[in-house]
């Protein structure tokens, strides 16, 4: 993609990991035979452990999150749906397909006044995170009117610990959606999970029908979700990215430069053209400084999480990713300290 770009760049148009999980060797039988229920149950058990669901009976593997959206919306009779905006637009379309009148709301405390409430957490595209206690209060409010809370946690693999509602689905009216393709970098595999109370899982399973998830997806998903060494490697990679983000924020000099340039307008003699240019530069620097402050506010939860020493174990961990020279490193390098934000 963009092979003529002058230097490496980060593609912010997608939330898919550019360093995918290595695909294991696949037996031809995975392509030749229909997937069996035993394999589905094995994957559900591994997913329950990985995501923190109470049991395999609380997990439904599915062929991608997208197909689940209208089906989850059909778990309640057509009524009023509220969606915390601005977010992934398919949630609105799916709720409409299910017969709901859809209202987008700007505050989480408005979500409970509905039959179906939808929150993308962390949000796509801005990373907004609604506190777990707030979501549980919304679920309680919805339960009193027979409503359901849907929490799309497609990006929760990179959320701070404790943000997920996977452990709370036993309350009966919470459905958590998890995406495999984003964090593991295999969007084309079409694999996701609905986490919910067993009665809701059974209803969704009936809507999907038999053999919903292909054999190769079941096999790769089971291997990847159980691969703790690879996830540790990803955790280290995430900490490096957040360290770079913290460094960017803490070394920001836009405000100081803006102040110096503004003072120079009275200290030095500039030409009219130079003075006009400096004033325009100051406006831009002030804008950048304002955006940096917003960036710091948004980044603080990530920085606080990945500064924790527990994420930098002293023991070495296997690293299956080969270097440019073809040799696979046997341990991850020491993690640099994160600067205070």
Foldseek 3Di string as FASTA:
>chain_A
DPPVPPDDDDDLPDLADPDFDDQDDDDCVLVVDFDDVVLQLLLLQLVCVLVVAPGSLQKGKFQAPLVCLLVLLLVDQAEAEEEADDADVSNVVSNVVSRHDYDYDPDLVPGLPIQEYEYEALGPPQRDHDAPVSVVVSQVSNVVVNHAYEYEDQVVLLAFPPRDCNHVQCVARYKYKYGDCGHNVNVVQRIIMIGHHSVSSVSSDVVCDPSRHRSSSSVRSSVVSPPVLASLVVLLVLLVVLLVLLVCLVPDCLVVVLVVLVVCPVVDDDDPVVNVVSVVSSVVSVVVNVVSVVSCVSSVSSNVRSQDCVSFDPDFGQFPDADPVRHGDGGDDGDDHRDDD
